[in-house]
Amino acid sequence: ADAARLLGRRVAVAGDAAPAQGGALDVGFPMPVALPPSGRYRALVGPAWTPAVGAPRATRRVVAQVDAGAQRVAIRSRTNLPAGGRVRIAFVDRAG
């Protein structure tokens, strides 16, 4: 919550997604990124964007399992997830 307040927006990261077991996505990062502490988070996921292209309108509500030590995020959703490629994850809050 403090990081989001300081940024003036949700904390978000972009990484490379690959399909995982059970329809999940496994997101990794080519270099170290500042992930929130390990744990489960409610998040929004969609295609990654750049300032030149702008933000995509289509995002999905997901549960993201962060493993900060391994620099990985596992994403699960009841709806279809992007097939892979570069994705942006915006962390909403901790999931119970």
Protein backbone atom coordinates (compact mmCIF):
# COMPACT_ATOMS: atom_id res chain seq x y z
CA ALA A 1 0.00 0.00 0.00
CA ASP A 2 2.84 2.41 0.78
CA ALA A 3 4.51 1.85 -2.60
CA ALA A 4 1.23 2.47 -4.44
CA ARG A 5 0.68 5.66 -2.44
CA LEU A 6 4.18 6.91 -3.26
CA LEU A 7 3.84 6.01 -6.95
CA GLY A 8 0.34 7.42 -7.25
CA ARG A 9 -0.76 4.20 -8.99
CA ARG A 10 -0.80 0.45 -8.43
CA VAL A 11 2.55 -1.32 -8.29
CA ALA A 12 3.00 -3.08 -11.64
CA VAL A 13 5.66 -5.16 -13.37
CA ALA A 14 6.05 -6.51 -16.90
CA GLY A 15 7.54 -9.92 -17.62
CA ASP A 16 7.64 -12.85 -19.99
CA ALA A 17 4.74 -15.29 -19.54
CA ALA A 18 4.72 -18.97 -20.42
CA PRO A 19 1.85 -21.44 -20.03
CA ALA A 20 2.03 -23.57 -16.86
CA GLN A 21 0.07 -26.54 -15.52
CA GLY A 22 -3.68 -26.21 -15.04
CA GLY A 23 -4.10 -23.23 -17.36
CA ALA A 24 -1.92 -20.95 -15.24
CA LEU A 25 0.81 -18.62 -16.46
CA ASP A 26 4.34 -18.54 -15.10
CA VAL A 27 5.85 -15.06 -15.40
CA GLY A 28 9.59 -14.51 -15.22
CA PHE A 29 11.74 -11.43 -15.55
CA PRO A 30 14.91 -11.05 -17.65
CA MET A 31 16.47 -8.85 -14.96
CA PRO A 32 15.77 -8.25 -11.27
CA VAL A 33 12.57 -6.31 -10.61
CA ALA A 34 11.07 -4.88 -7.43
CA LEU A 35 8.32 -7.40 -6.67
CA PRO A 36 6.07 -7.12 -3.63
CA PRO A 37 6.84 -9.51 -0.76
CA SER A 38 6.21 -13.20 -1.45
CA GLY A 39 2.56 -14.19 -1.09
CA ARG A 40 -0.84 -14.19 -2.82
CA TYR A 41 -2.23 -11.01 -4.36
CA ARG A 42 -5.33 -9.97 -6.25
CA ALA A 43 -4.05 -8.45 -9.48
CA LEU A 44 -4.92 -7.34 -12.98
CA VAL A 45 -3.06 -8.86 -15.94
CA GLY A 46 -3.01 -7.89 -19.58
CA PRO A 47 -0.63 -7.40 -22.49
CA ALA A 48 2.44 -5.34 -21.63
CA TRP A 49 2.52 -1.86 -23.07
CA THR A 50 4.93 0.95 -23.76
CA PRO A 51 4.39 4.71 -23.60
CA ALA A 52 4.48 4.81 -27.42
CA VAL A 53 1.68 2.24 -27.74
CA GLY A 54 -0.38 3.11 -24.67
CA ALA A 55 -2.17 0.96 -22.13
CA PRO A 56 -4.34 -1.91 -23.36
CA ARG A 57 -7.99 -1.83 -22.39
CA ALA A 58 -8.36 -5.58 -21.82
CA THR A 59 -7.22 -6.80 -18.41
CA ARG A 60 -8.20 -9.87 -16.41
CA ARG A 61 -8.70 -10.17 -12.66
CA VAL A 62 -6.34 -12.86 -11.38
CA VAL A 63 -4.69 -14.27 -8.29
CA ALA A 64 -0.93 -13.86 -8.47
CA GLN A 65 1.42 -15.97 -6.33
CA VAL A 66 4.65 -13.99 -5.91
CA ASP A 67 7.95 -15.73 -5.17
CA ALA A 68 10.15 -12.68 -4.71
CA GLY A 69 13.29 -14.73 -4.01
CA ALA A 70 13.01 -16.63 -7.29
CA GLN A 71 11.80 -13.54 -9.19
CA ARG A 72 8.70 -15.45 -10.42
CA VAL A 73 4.96 -14.86 -10.38
CA ALA A 74 2.40 -17.64 -10.99
CA ILE A 75 -0.96 -16.38 -12.26
CA ARG A 76 -4.28 -18.20 -11.97
CA SER A 77 -7.68 -17.07 -13.18
CA ARG A 78 -11.16 -18.46 -13.74
CA THR A 79 -11.24 -16.73 -17.13
CA ASN A 80 -8.96 -17.13 -20.13
CA LEU A 81 -5.47 -15.78 -19.65
CA PRO A 82 -3.22 -14.37 -22.37
CA ALA A 83 -1.54 -17.21 -24.29
CA GLY A 84 1.90 -16.04 -23.24
CA GLY A 85 4.34 -13.39 -24.38
CA ARG A 86 4.97 -10.16 -22.55
CA VAL A 87 2.39 -9.31 -19.85
CA ARG A 88 1.86 -6.55 -17.31
CA ILE A 89 0.75 -7.42 -13.76
CA ALA A 90 -0.77 -4.66 -11.61
CA PHE A 91 -1.02 -5.70 -7.96
CA VAL A 92 -4.32 -4.64 -6.32
CA ASP A 93 -4.02 -5.99 -2.77
CA ARG A 94 -3.12 -9.06 -0.74
CA ALA A 95 -5.42 -12.06 -1.19
CA GLY A 96 -6.54 -13.91 1.92
